[in-house]
């Protein structure tokens, strides 16, 4: 799994599910995916429109500057880890290409 993917999973998933997912590639049914942290809510198809409207109303009620600032603060560590992971993956890929081209 790319480092970036691990950081995204680490930020979202419960620790036990992170290990099961990252190490074993385990897949989960919807209810278990909810428990793990892959998704925030399960909605049966007939209730999807109402759930969507409720989510939209909640976002519209939030004070945008406060919401944005809080979201950035809450996710700052995860975002920094993701950026570092992307840089590591790019550097690793570039190193591997350089080694391959020298060997050829």
Protein backbone atom coordinates (compact mmCIF):
# COMPACT_ATOMS: atom_id res chain seq x y z
CA UNK A 1 0.00 0.00 0.00
CA UNK A 2 1.47 3.42 -0.86
CA UNK A 3 2.49 5.51 2.15
CA UNK A 4 -0.17 8.10 1.29
CA UNK A 5 -2.89 5.43 1.39
CA UNK A 6 -1.67 4.26 4.77
CA UNK A 7 -1.86 7.80 6.15
CA UNK A 8 -5.40 8.28 4.82
CA UNK A 9 -6.43 4.96 6.39
CA UNK A 10 -4.67 5.75 9.66
CA UNK A 11 -6.58 9.04 9.91
CA UNK A 12 -10.00 7.52 9.20
CA UNK A 13 -10.02 3.99 10.58
CA UNK A 14 -10.24 2.53 14.05
CA UNK A 15 -6.80 1.08 14.96
CA UNK A 16 -7.85 -2.59 14.86
CA UNK A 17 -9.48 -2.11 11.46
CA UNK A 18 -6.47 -0.17 10.18
CA UNK A 19 -4.27 -3.19 10.84
CA UNK A 20 -6.72 -5.63 9.30
CA UNK A 21 -7.08 -3.46 6.21
CA UNK A 22 -3.46 -2.42 5.70
CA UNK A 23 -1.82 -5.73 6.54
CA UNK A 24 -4.38 -8.18 5.17
CA UNK A 25 -6.38 -6.21 2.61
CA UNK A 26 -9.55 -7.33 4.35
CA UNK A 27 -12.85 -6.12 2.90
CA UNK A 28 -15.91 -5.32 5.01
CA UNK A 29 -19.68 -5.42 4.60
CA UNK A 30 -21.43 -2.03 4.99
CA UNK A 31 -22.26 -2.32 8.71
CA UNK A 32 -18.71 -3.39 9.55
CA UNK A 33 -17.30 -0.62 7.30
CA UNK A 34 -19.31 1.88 9.34
CA UNK A 35 -17.83 0.51 12.60
CA UNK A 36 -14.34 0.61 11.10
CA UNK A 37 -14.61 4.25 10.04
CA UNK A 38 -14.64 3.80 6.26
CA UNK A 39 -18.01 5.52 6.06
CA UNK A 40 -19.88 7.91 8.33
CA UNK A 41 -23.44 6.75 7.82
CA UNK A 42 -25.51 3.97 6.30
CA UNK A 43 -28.74 4.93 4.59
CA UNK A 44 -31.23 2.62 2.92
CA UNK A 45 -31.99 3.69 -0.66
CA UNK A 46 -35.49 5.03 0.15
CA UNK A 47 -34.00 7.38 2.78
CA UNK A 48 -31.10 8.64 0.70
CA UNK A 49 -32.73 11.88 -0.49
CA UNK A 50 -33.82 12.84 3.05
CA UNK A 51 -30.38 11.99 4.49
CA UNK A 52 -28.73 14.08 1.80
CA UNK A 53 -30.98 17.05 2.55
CA UNK A 54 -30.23 16.72 6.27
CA UNK A 55 -26.47 16.68 5.61
CA UNK A 56 -26.76 19.71 3.32
CA UNK A 57 -28.77 21.62 5.92
CA UNK A 58 -26.18 20.85 8.61
CA UNK A 59 -23.36 22.11 6.39
CA UNK A 60 -25.31 25.21 5.42
CA UNK A 61 -25.92 25.98 9.11
CA UNK A 62 -22.21 25.89 9.91
CA UNK A 63 -20.32 29.19 10.02
CA UNK A 64 -17.99 28.74 6.99
CA UNK A 65 -14.86 30.47 8.36
CA UNK A 66 -15.13 28.67 11.70
CA UNK A 67 -15.87 25.35 10.03
CA UNK A 68 -12.89 25.71 7.68
CA UNK A 69 -10.49 26.77 10.43
CA UNK A 70 -11.55 23.98 12.77
CA UNK A 71 -11.36 21.37 10.00
CA UNK A 72 -7.84 22.50 9.05
CA UNK A 73 -6.69 22.44 12.68
CA UNK A 74 -8.24 19.04 13.34
CA UNK A 75 -6.65 17.51 10.25
CA UNK A 76 -3.32 19.37 10.25
CA UNK A 77 -1.30 16.41 11.52
CA UNK A 78 -2.90 13.99 9.10
CA UNK A 79 -2.41 16.37 6.17
CA UNK A 80 1.26 16.87 7.06
CA UNK A 81 1.73 13.09 7.30
CA UNK A 82 0.00 12.60 3.93
CA UNK A 83 2.17 15.25 2.25
CA UNK A 84 5.31 13.67 3.69
CA UNK A 85 4.13 10.23 2.56
CA UNK A 86 3.52 11.49 -0.98
CA UNK A 87 7.03 12.99 -1.03
CA UNK A 88 8.49 9.70 0.24
CA UNK A 89 6.60 7.68 -2.36
CA UNK A 90 7.71 10.02 -5.17
CA UNK A 91 11.33 9.94 -3.98
CA UNK A 92 11.23 6.15 -3.72
CA UNK A 93 9.73 5.81 -7.20
CA UNK A 94 12.35 8.16 -8.66
CA UNK A 95 15.14 6.21 -6.96
CA UNK A 96 13.79 2.92 -8.27
CA UNK A 97 13.58 4.31 -11.82
CA UNK A 98 17.14 5.58 -11.61
CA UNK A 99 18.40 2.20 -10.40
CA UNK A 100 16.47 0.38 -13.14
CA UNK A 101 17.83 2.64 -15.87
CA UNK A 102 21.42 2.11 -14.66
CA UNK A 103 20.96 -1.67 -14.61
CA UNK A 104 19.61 -1.71 -18.18
